[in-house]
């Protein structure tokens, strides 16, 4: 069993609970996450040329990621609803995969971090890419979803050092 207090979402008896952030000071916070969708080269070409049957894959995935970040508390049981001030989702081609790389940044001034919002944005953007292109490539792979950086709050700055 994990010692109580070692994980912030466990109470003294080891039960899951929502962390009380009421006494914490509001600070500027941001988080950036990344992930990718690996696909056949032909699938990437179709997406680039705008020939996917469902329409604009990249634009739709970007919008889905932004919307998902705003709904994180509805999806992850112990997340606080947050008043995000900025969510940006960037989707770029990577011929070496081949596929698309997704990066999302979430920002706010508040009492808790936005790591889950950035991770949720990336995850849903990747899932949307898969959904929109699965008719031509069911073998696509979603991977590498991870936190790249978080700034602000009690624990300070974290930056991923390995690639």
N, C-alpha and C. Protein backbone atom coordinates (compact mmCIF):
# COMPACT_ATOMS: atom_id res chain seq x y z
N UNK A 1 0.84 -1.19 0.00
CA UNK A 1 0.00 0.00 0.00
C UNK A 1 0.89 1.25 0.00
N UNK A 2 0.44 2.27 -0.64
CA UNK A 2 1.17 3.54 -0.71
C UNK A 2 0.91 4.32 0.57
N UNK A 3 1.96 4.88 1.13
CA UNK A 3 1.83 5.65 2.37
C UNK A 3 0.94 6.87 2.14
N UNK A 4 0.00 7.09 3.08
CA UNK A 4 -0.88 8.25 2.99
C UNK A 4 -0.04 9.52 2.98
N UNK A 5 -0.41 10.45 2.15
CA UNK A 5 0.32 11.71 2.06
C UNK A 5 1.36 11.71 0.95
N UNK A 6 1.79 10.52 0.48
CA UNK A 6 2.79 10.49 -0.57
C UNK A 6 2.17 10.80 -1.94
N UNK A 7 0.89 10.57 -2.07
CA UNK A 7 0.15 10.96 -3.27
C UNK A 7 -0.91 11.98 -2.85
N UNK A 8 -1.00 13.08 -3.57
CA UNK A 8 -1.86 14.17 -3.12
C UNK A 8 -3.35 13.84 -3.16
N UNK A 9 -3.75 12.85 -3.93
CA UNK A 9 -5.18 12.53 -4.03
C UNK A 9 -5.60 11.40 -3.10
N UNK A 10 -4.77 11.10 -2.09
CA UNK A 10 -5.14 10.11 -1.07
C UNK A 10 -5.26 10.83 0.27
N UNK A 11 -6.33 10.51 1.03
CA UNK A 11 -6.46 11.10 2.36
C UNK A 11 -5.70 10.25 3.37
N UNK A 12 -5.80 10.59 4.65
CA UNK A 12 -5.06 9.91 5.71
C UNK A 12 -5.37 8.42 5.79
N UNK A 13 -6.56 8.01 5.37
CA UNK A 13 -6.91 6.59 5.41
C UNK A 13 -6.65 5.87 4.09
N UNK A 14 -6.05 6.57 3.13
CA UNK A 14 -5.70 5.97 1.85
C UNK A 14 -6.81 6.00 0.82
N UNK A 15 -7.89 6.72 1.11
CA UNK A 15 -9.01 6.84 0.18
C UNK A 15 -8.78 7.99 -0.81
N UNK A 16 -9.28 7.81 -2.01
CA UNK A 16 -9.17 8.86 -3.02
C UNK A 16 -10.02 10.06 -2.62
N UNK A 17 -9.47 11.24 -2.80
CA UNK A 17 -10.22 12.47 -2.52
C UNK A 17 -9.72 13.60 -3.39
N UNK A 18 -10.54 14.65 -3.48
CA UNK A 18 -10.16 15.84 -4.23
C UNK A 18 -9.36 16.74 -3.29
N UNK A 19 -8.21 17.18 -3.75
CA UNK A 19 -7.33 18.01 -2.94
C UNK A 19 -7.99 19.36 -2.67
N UNK A 20 -7.89 19.83 -1.42
CA UNK A 20 -8.41 21.16 -1.06
C UNK A 20 -7.36 22.20 -1.41
N UNK A 21 -7.65 23.03 -2.39
CA UNK A 21 -6.71 24.06 -2.82
C UNK A 21 -7.13 25.45 -2.34
N UNK A 22 -8.14 25.49 -1.48
CA UNK A 22 -8.71 26.75 -1.03
C UNK A 22 -7.72 27.72 -0.42
N UNK A 23 -6.76 27.24 0.33
CA UNK A 23 -5.80 28.12 1.01
C UNK A 23 -4.59 28.46 0.15
N UNK A 24 -4.47 27.85 -1.00
CA UNK A 24 -3.30 28.11 -1.85
C UNK A 24 -3.41 29.47 -2.52
N UNK A 25 -2.25 30.08 -2.75
CA UNK A 25 -2.21 31.37 -3.45
C UNK A 25 -2.39 31.15 -4.95
N UNK A 26 -3.01 32.13 -5.59
CA UNK A 26 -3.13 32.08 -7.05
C UNK A 26 -1.81 32.51 -7.67
N UNK A 27 -1.32 31.71 -8.62
CA UNK A 27 -0.10 32.03 -9.34
C UNK A 27 -0.32 31.74 -10.82
N UNK A 28 0.53 32.31 -11.65
CA UNK A 28 0.48 32.00 -13.08
C UNK A 28 1.03 30.60 -13.26
N UNK A 29 0.33 29.80 -14.03
CA UNK A 29 0.71 28.41 -14.25
C UNK A 29 0.53 28.06 -15.72
N UNK A 30 1.40 27.18 -16.20
CA UNK A 30 1.26 26.69 -17.57
C UNK A 30 1.80 25.26 -17.62
N UNK A 31 1.34 24.53 -18.62
CA UNK A 31 1.84 23.18 -18.85
C UNK A 31 1.80 22.90 -20.34
N UNK A 32 2.78 22.16 -20.81
CA UNK A 32 2.86 21.75 -22.21
C UNK A 32 3.02 20.24 -22.26
N UNK A 33 2.24 19.61 -23.13
CA UNK A 33 2.31 18.16 -23.32
C UNK A 33 2.46 17.88 -24.81
N UNK A 34 2.87 16.66 -25.12
CA UNK A 34 3.04 16.27 -26.52
C UNK A 34 2.62 14.83 -26.73
N UNK A 35 2.42 14.49 -27.99
CA UNK A 35 2.10 13.12 -28.40
C UNK A 35 2.21 13.04 -29.91
N UNK A 36 1.94 11.85 -30.45
CA UNK A 36 2.01 11.70 -31.91
C UNK A 36 1.01 10.67 -32.39
N UNK A 37 0.72 10.74 -33.69
CA UNK A 37 -0.05 9.71 -34.38
C UNK A 37 0.81 9.25 -35.55
N UNK A 38 1.27 8.00 -35.47
CA UNK A 38 2.05 7.40 -36.56
C UNK A 38 1.07 6.77 -37.54
N UNK A 39 1.34 6.93 -38.84
CA UNK A 39 0.42 6.44 -39.87
C UNK A 39 1.19 6.08 -41.13
N UNK A 40 0.48 5.48 -42.06
CA UNK A 40 1.08 5.18 -43.35
C UNK A 40 1.40 6.48 -44.08
N UNK A 41 2.46 6.50 -44.88
CA UNK A 41 2.79 7.72 -45.63
C UNK A 41 1.62 8.20 -46.50
N UNK A 42 0.85 7.26 -47.07
CA UNK A 42 -0.28 7.63 -47.91
C UNK A 42 -1.36 8.35 -47.10
N UNK A 43 -1.52 7.95 -45.84
CA UNK A 43 -2.51 8.59 -44.97
C UNK A 43 -2.09 10.02 -44.69
N UNK A 44 -0.82 10.21 -44.40
CA UNK A 44 -0.30 11.56 -44.14
C UNK A 44 -0.49 12.44 -45.38
N UNK A 45 -0.24 11.89 -46.55
CA UNK A 45 -0.43 12.64 -47.79
C UNK A 45 -1.89 13.05 -47.95
N UNK A 46 -2.81 12.13 -47.69
CA UNK A 46 -4.24 12.45 -47.79
C UNK A 46 -4.62 13.59 -46.85
N UNK A 47 -4.12 13.51 -45.63
CA UNK A 47 -4.43 14.56 -44.65
C UNK A 47 -3.86 15.89 -45.12
N UNK A 48 -2.60 15.89 -45.54
CA UNK A 48 -1.94 17.11 -46.01
C UNK A 48 -2.71 17.74 -47.18
N UNK A 49 -3.17 16.90 -48.10
CA UNK A 49 -3.85 17.39 -49.30
C UNK A 49 -5.33 17.69 -49.06
N UNK A 50 -5.83 17.41 -47.85
CA UNK A 50 -7.23 17.69 -47.54
C UNK A 50 -8.19 16.70 -48.15
N UNK A 51 -7.73 15.45 -48.37
CA UNK A 51 -8.57 14.45 -49.02
C UNK A 51 -9.15 13.41 -48.07
N UNK A 52 -9.25 13.74 -46.80
CA UNK A 52 -9.88 12.81 -45.86
C UNK A 52 -11.39 12.95 -46.01
N UNK A 53 -12.10 11.82 -45.97
CA UNK A 53 -13.55 11.84 -46.20
C UNK A 53 -14.30 12.70 -45.19
N UNK A 54 -13.79 12.77 -43.96
CA UNK A 54 -14.49 13.53 -42.92
C UNK A 54 -14.15 15.01 -42.91
N UNK A 55 -13.19 15.44 -43.74
CA UNK A 55 -12.88 16.86 -43.83
C UNK A 55 -11.50 17.22 -43.30
N UNK A 56 -11.39 18.43 -42.77
CA UNK A 56 -10.12 19.00 -42.30
C UNK A 56 -9.67 18.32 -41.02
N UNK A 57 -8.79 17.34 -41.16
CA UNK A 57 -8.33 16.55 -40.02
C UNK A 57 -7.59 17.41 -39.00
N UNK A 58 -6.64 18.19 -39.45
CA UNK A 58 -5.80 18.97 -38.53
C UNK A 58 -6.61 20.06 -37.83
N UNK A 59 -7.42 20.78 -38.57
CA UNK A 59 -8.24 21.82 -37.96
C UNK A 59 -9.24 21.26 -36.95
N UNK A 60 -9.86 20.15 -37.30
CA UNK A 60 -10.83 19.53 -36.40
C UNK A 60 -10.13 19.00 -35.15
N UNK A 61 -8.97 18.38 -35.31
CA UNK A 61 -8.24 17.84 -34.16
C UNK A 61 -7.77 18.97 -33.24
N UNK A 62 -7.35 20.08 -33.82
CA UNK A 62 -6.95 21.24 -33.00
C UNK A 62 -8.12 21.73 -32.16
N UNK A 63 -9.26 21.88 -32.78
CA UNK A 63 -10.45 22.33 -32.06
C UNK A 63 -10.88 21.32 -30.99
N UNK A 64 -10.81 20.04 -31.32
CA UNK A 64 -11.17 19.00 -30.34
C UNK A 64 -10.25 19.04 -29.13
N UNK A 65 -8.96 19.26 -29.36
CA UNK A 65 -8.01 19.35 -28.25
C UNK A 65 -8.31 20.52 -27.33
N UNK A 66 -8.63 21.67 -27.92
CA UNK A 66 -8.97 22.86 -27.13
C UNK A 66 -10.24 22.60 -26.32
N UNK A 67 -11.24 22.04 -26.96
CA UNK A 67 -12.49 21.75 -26.25
C UNK A 67 -12.28 20.75 -25.13
N UNK A 68 -11.44 19.74 -25.37
CA UNK A 68 -11.18 18.72 -24.36
C UNK A 68 -10.49 19.30 -23.13
N UNK A 69 -9.53 20.20 -23.35
CA UNK A 69 -8.84 20.82 -22.21
C UNK A 69 -9.85 21.51 -21.30
N UNK A 70 -10.85 22.17 -21.91
CA UNK A 70 -11.86 22.88 -21.14
C UNK A 70 -12.79 21.94 -20.39
N UNK A 71 -12.84 20.66 -20.78
CA UNK A 71 -13.73 19.67 -20.16
C UNK A 71 -12.98 18.66 -19.30
N UNK A 72 -11.72 18.91 -19.01
CA UNK A 72 -10.91 17.93 -18.27
C UNK A 72 -11.55 17.50 -16.97
N UNK A 73 -12.08 18.43 -16.20
CA UNK A 73 -12.69 18.08 -14.90
C UNK A 73 -13.91 17.17 -15.07
N UNK A 74 -14.54 17.18 -16.24
CA UNK A 74 -15.67 16.28 -16.50
C UNK A 74 -15.19 14.88 -16.83
N UNK A 75 -13.93 14.75 -17.22
CA UNK A 75 -13.40 13.46 -17.67
C UNK A 75 -12.53 12.77 -16.62
N UNK A 76 -11.77 13.53 -15.86
CA UNK A 76 -10.84 13.00 -14.86
C UNK A 76 -11.46 13.27 -13.49
N UNK A 77 -11.85 12.23 -12.76
CA UNK A 77 -12.68 12.40 -11.57
C UNK A 77 -12.20 13.38 -10.50
N UNK A 78 -10.92 13.48 -10.22
CA UNK A 78 -10.47 14.32 -9.11
C UNK A 78 -9.85 15.64 -9.55
N UNK A 79 -10.01 16.00 -10.82
CA UNK A 79 -9.51 17.29 -11.30
C UNK A 79 -10.49 18.41 -10.93
N UNK A 80 -9.92 19.56 -10.61
CA UNK A 80 -10.73 20.74 -10.33
C UNK A 80 -11.19 21.39 -11.63
N UNK A 81 -12.41 21.91 -11.68
CA UNK A 81 -12.80 22.71 -12.84
C UNK A 81 -11.98 24.00 -12.84
N UNK A 82 -11.39 24.33 -13.95
CA UNK A 82 -10.48 25.47 -14.01
C UNK A 82 -10.94 26.51 -15.01
N UNK A 83 -10.61 27.77 -14.71
CA UNK A 83 -10.88 28.87 -15.62
C UNK A 83 -9.61 29.10 -16.44
N UNK A 84 -9.47 28.34 -17.51
CA UNK A 84 -8.29 28.45 -18.36
C UNK A 84 -8.28 29.80 -19.06
N UNK A 85 -7.09 30.38 -19.16
CA UNK A 85 -6.96 31.64 -19.87
C UNK A 85 -6.43 31.45 -21.29
N UNK A 86 -5.83 30.27 -21.55
CA UNK A 86 -5.29 30.00 -22.88
C UNK A 86 -5.12 28.50 -23.05
N UNK A 87 -5.51 28.00 -24.21
CA UNK A 87 -5.19 26.64 -24.63
C UNK A 87 -4.76 26.75 -26.09
N UNK A 88 -3.59 26.24 -26.40
CA UNK A 88 -3.09 26.22 -27.78
C UNK A 88 -2.73 24.79 -28.14
N UNK A 89 -3.17 24.37 -29.31
CA UNK A 89 -2.86 23.03 -29.81
C UNK A 89 -2.17 23.21 -31.16
N UNK A 90 -0.96 22.66 -31.28
CA UNK A 90 -0.18 22.76 -32.51
C UNK A 90 0.00 21.36 -33.07
N UNK A 91 -0.31 21.19 -34.34
CA UNK A 91 -0.19 19.88 -35.01
C UNK A 91 0.72 20.06 -36.21
N UNK A 92 1.81 19.29 -36.24
CA UNK A 92 2.79 19.41 -37.31
C UNK A 92 3.09 18.05 -37.92
N UNK A 93 3.43 18.08 -39.19
CA UNK A 93 3.84 16.85 -39.89
C UNK A 93 5.23 16.43 -39.43
N UNK A 94 5.43 15.14 -39.36
CA UNK A 94 6.75 14.57 -39.09
C UNK A 94 6.94 13.41 -40.06
N UNK A 95 7.67 13.66 -41.13
CA UNK A 95 7.89 12.64 -42.16
C UNK A 95 8.67 11.45 -41.61
N UNK A 96 9.45 11.66 -40.56
CA UNK A 96 10.24 10.57 -39.98
C UNK A 96 9.37 9.54 -39.27
N UNK A 97 8.18 9.92 -38.80
CA UNK A 97 7.31 8.95 -38.11
C UNK A 97 6.86 7.84 -39.06
N UNK A 98 6.21 8.02 -40.14
CA UNK A 98 5.55 9.23 -40.60
C UNK A 98 4.26 9.47 -39.82
N UNK A 99 3.87 10.75 -39.73
CA UNK A 99 2.64 11.06 -39.03
C UNK A 99 2.57 12.50 -38.59
N UNK A 100 1.78 12.72 -37.55
CA UNK A 100 1.56 14.06 -37.02
C UNK A 100 1.97 14.13 -35.56
N UNK A 101 2.65 15.19 -35.19
CA UNK A 101 3.02 15.46 -33.80
C UNK A 101 2.06 16.52 -33.26
N UNK A 102 1.60 16.29 -32.05
CA UNK A 102 0.65 17.19 -31.41
C UNK A 102 1.28 17.75 -30.15
N UNK A 103 1.22 19.07 -29.99
CA UNK A 103 1.70 19.74 -28.78
C UNK A 103 0.58 20.63 -28.28
N UNK A 104 0.34 20.61 -26.98
CA UNK A 104 -0.70 21.45 -26.39
C UNK A 104 -0.15 22.17 -25.18
N UNK A 105 -0.53 23.45 -25.05
CA UNK A 105 -0.16 24.25 -23.89
C UNK A 105 -1.43 24.82 -23.29
N UNK A 106 -1.55 24.69 -21.96
CA UNK A 106 -2.67 25.26 -21.21
C UNK A 106 -2.11 26.25 -20.21
N UNK A 107 -2.85 27.37 -20.00
CA UNK A 107 -2.39 28.41 -19.08
C UNK A 107 -3.56 28.91 -18.24
N UNK A 108 -3.23 29.42 -17.05
CA UNK A 108 -4.19 30.10 -16.20
C UNK A 108 -3.46 30.82 -15.07
N UNK A 109 -4.20 31.64 -14.35
CA UNK A 109 -3.76 32.15 -13.06
C UNK A 109 -4.72 31.52 -12.07
N UNK A 110 -4.19 30.67 -11.20
CA UNK A 110 -5.06 29.93 -10.30
C UNK A 110 -4.33 29.23 -9.19
N UNK A 111 -5.06 28.33 -8.52
CA UNK A 111 -4.57 27.65 -7.32
C UNK A 111 -4.10 26.23 -7.58
N UNK A 112 -4.25 25.76 -8.79
CA UNK A 112 -3.82 24.40 -9.13
C UNK A 112 -3.29 24.37 -10.56
N UNK A 113 -2.48 23.37 -10.86
CA UNK A 113 -1.81 23.30 -12.14
C UNK A 113 -2.70 22.85 -13.28
N UNK A 114 -2.14 22.90 -14.49
CA UNK A 114 -2.90 22.61 -15.71
C UNK A 114 -2.27 21.46 -16.50
N UNK A 115 -1.51 20.61 -15.82
CA UNK A 115 -0.89 19.49 -16.52
C UNK A 115 -1.93 18.57 -17.14
N UNK A 116 -2.99 18.27 -16.39
CA UNK A 116 -4.01 17.35 -16.90
C UNK A 116 -4.75 17.95 -18.09
N UNK A 117 -4.92 19.25 -18.10
CA UNK A 117 -5.58 19.90 -19.23
C UNK A 117 -4.72 19.80 -20.49
N UNK A 118 -3.43 20.01 -20.37
CA UNK A 118 -2.54 19.88 -21.52
C UNK A 118 -2.49 18.44 -22.02
N UNK A 119 -2.40 17.49 -21.11
CA UNK A 119 -2.37 16.07 -21.48
C UNK A 119 -3.69 15.63 -22.12
N UNK A 120 -4.80 16.12 -21.60
CA UNK A 120 -6.10 15.79 -22.16
C UNK A 120 -6.24 16.37 -23.56
N UNK A 121 -5.79 17.60 -23.76
CA UNK A 121 -5.85 18.22 -25.08
C UNK A 121 -5.09 17.40 -26.11
N UNK A 122 -3.87 16.97 -25.76
CA UNK A 122 -3.07 16.16 -26.68
C UNK A 122 -3.76 14.83 -26.98
N UNK A 123 -4.23 14.18 -25.93
CA UNK A 123 -4.87 12.86 -26.09
C UNK A 123 -6.08 12.93 -27.01
N UNK A 124 -6.95 13.90 -26.79
CA UNK A 124 -8.17 14.00 -27.60
C UNK A 124 -7.85 14.46 -29.02
N UNK A 125 -6.87 15.33 -29.18
CA UNK A 125 -6.47 15.72 -30.54
C UNK A 125 -5.96 14.50 -31.30
N UNK A 126 -5.14 13.68 -30.66
CA UNK A 126 -4.64 12.45 -31.31
C UNK A 126 -5.78 11.49 -31.63
N UNK A 127 -6.70 11.32 -30.70
CA UNK A 127 -7.86 10.44 -30.95
C UNK A 127 -8.71 10.96 -32.10
N UNK A 128 -8.82 12.27 -32.22
CA UNK A 128 -9.60 12.86 -33.31
C UNK A 128 -8.93 12.62 -34.65
N UNK A 129 -7.62 12.75 -34.69
CA UNK A 129 -6.88 12.44 -35.92
C UNK A 129 -7.16 10.99 -36.32
N UNK A 130 -7.06 10.08 -35.34
CA UNK A 130 -7.34 8.67 -35.63
C UNK A 130 -8.76 8.50 -36.17
N UNK A 131 -9.72 9.09 -35.49
CA UNK A 131 -11.12 8.94 -35.90
C UNK A 131 -11.35 9.44 -37.32
N UNK A 132 -10.75 10.55 -37.66
CA UNK A 132 -11.00 11.16 -38.96
C UNK A 132 -10.29 10.45 -40.12
N UNK A 133 -9.25 9.67 -39.80
CA UNK A 133 -8.49 9.00 -40.86
C UNK A 133 -8.58 7.47 -40.80
N UNK A 134 -9.33 6.94 -39.85
CA UNK A 134 -9.38 5.48 -39.68
C UNK A 134 -9.98 4.74 -40.87
N UNK A 135 -10.78 5.42 -41.68
CA UNK A 135 -11.36 4.77 -42.85
C UNK A 135 -10.29 4.30 -43.83
N UNK A 136 -9.15 4.99 -43.85
CA UNK A 136 -8.08 4.61 -44.78
C UNK A 136 -6.89 3.97 -44.07
N UNK A 137 -6.83 4.03 -42.73
CA UNK A 137 -5.65 3.52 -42.02
C UNK A 137 -6.00 3.14 -40.58
N UNK A 138 -6.55 1.94 -40.40
CA UNK A 138 -6.92 1.50 -39.06
C UNK A 138 -5.69 1.12 -38.22
N UNK A 139 -4.53 1.01 -38.84
CA UNK A 139 -3.31 0.64 -38.14
C UNK A 139 -2.53 1.81 -37.54
N UNK A 140 -3.12 3.00 -37.55
CA UNK A 140 -2.42 4.15 -36.96
C UNK A 140 -2.11 3.86 -35.49
N UNK A 141 -1.04 4.47 -35.03
CA UNK A 141 -0.59 4.28 -33.64
C UNK A 141 -0.52 5.64 -32.94
N UNK A 142 -1.16 5.72 -31.79
CA UNK A 142 -1.08 6.91 -30.95
C UNK A 142 -0.05 6.61 -29.87
N UNK A 143 0.88 7.54 -29.64
CA UNK A 143 1.90 7.28 -28.63
C UNK A 143 2.59 8.53 -28.14
N UNK A 144 3.51 8.31 -27.23
CA UNK A 144 4.37 9.38 -26.74
C UNK A 144 3.66 10.49 -25.99
N UNK A 145 2.47 10.24 -25.47
CA UNK A 145 1.74 11.28 -24.74
C UNK A 145 2.42 11.48 -23.40
N UNK A 146 2.92 12.70 -23.19
CA UNK A 146 3.68 12.97 -21.97
C UNK A 146 3.77 14.47 -21.69
N UNK A 147 4.04 14.78 -20.44
CA UNK A 147 4.25 16.16 -20.03
C UNK A 147 5.64 16.59 -20.45
N UNK A 148 5.74 17.74 -21.08
CA UNK A 148 7.02 18.28 -21.52
C UNK A 148 7.52 19.31 -20.51
N UNK A 149 6.60 20.15 -20.03
CA UNK A 149 6.99 21.22 -19.12
C UNK A 149 5.80 21.67 -18.31
N UNK A 150 6.06 22.06 -17.07
CA UNK A 150 5.05 22.75 -16.27
C UNK A 150 5.75 23.85 -15.50
N UNK A 151 5.08 25.00 -15.40
CA UNK A 151 5.66 26.17 -14.76
C UNK A 151 4.65 26.71 -13.76
N UNK A 152 5.14 27.10 -12.59
CA UNK A 152 4.29 27.72 -11.58
C UNK A 152 3.92 26.77 -10.47
N UNK A 153 3.34 27.35 -9.44
CA UNK A 153 2.87 26.56 -8.32
C UNK A 153 3.97 26.25 -7.32
N UNK A 154 3.58 25.54 -6.26
CA UNK A 154 4.48 25.21 -5.16
C UNK A 154 5.70 24.41 -5.59
N UNK A 155 5.51 23.49 -6.53
CA UNK A 155 6.63 22.63 -6.93
C UNK A 155 7.53 23.28 -7.97
N UNK A 156 7.18 24.48 -8.44
CA UNK A 156 8.06 25.20 -9.36
C UNK A 156 7.99 24.70 -10.79
N UNK A 157 9.14 24.73 -11.44
CA UNK A 157 9.23 24.38 -12.86
C UNK A 157 9.73 22.96 -13.04
N UNK A 158 9.12 22.26 -13.98
CA UNK A 158 9.55 20.93 -14.40
C UNK A 158 9.73 20.98 -15.91
N UNK A 159 10.88 20.47 -16.36
CA UNK A 159 11.11 20.32 -17.80
C UNK A 159 11.63 18.92 -18.06
N UNK A 160 11.01 18.24 -19.01
CA UNK A 160 11.47 16.89 -19.40
C UNK A 160 12.87 17.03 -20.00
N UNK A 161 13.77 16.20 -19.55
CA UNK A 161 15.15 16.30 -20.03
C UNK A 161 15.47 15.25 -21.08
N UNK A 162 14.79 14.09 -21.03
CA UNK A 162 15.06 13.08 -22.06
C UNK A 162 14.14 13.32 -23.24
N UNK A 163 14.57 12.85 -24.40
CA UNK A 163 13.76 13.06 -25.61
C UNK A 163 12.82 11.92 -25.84
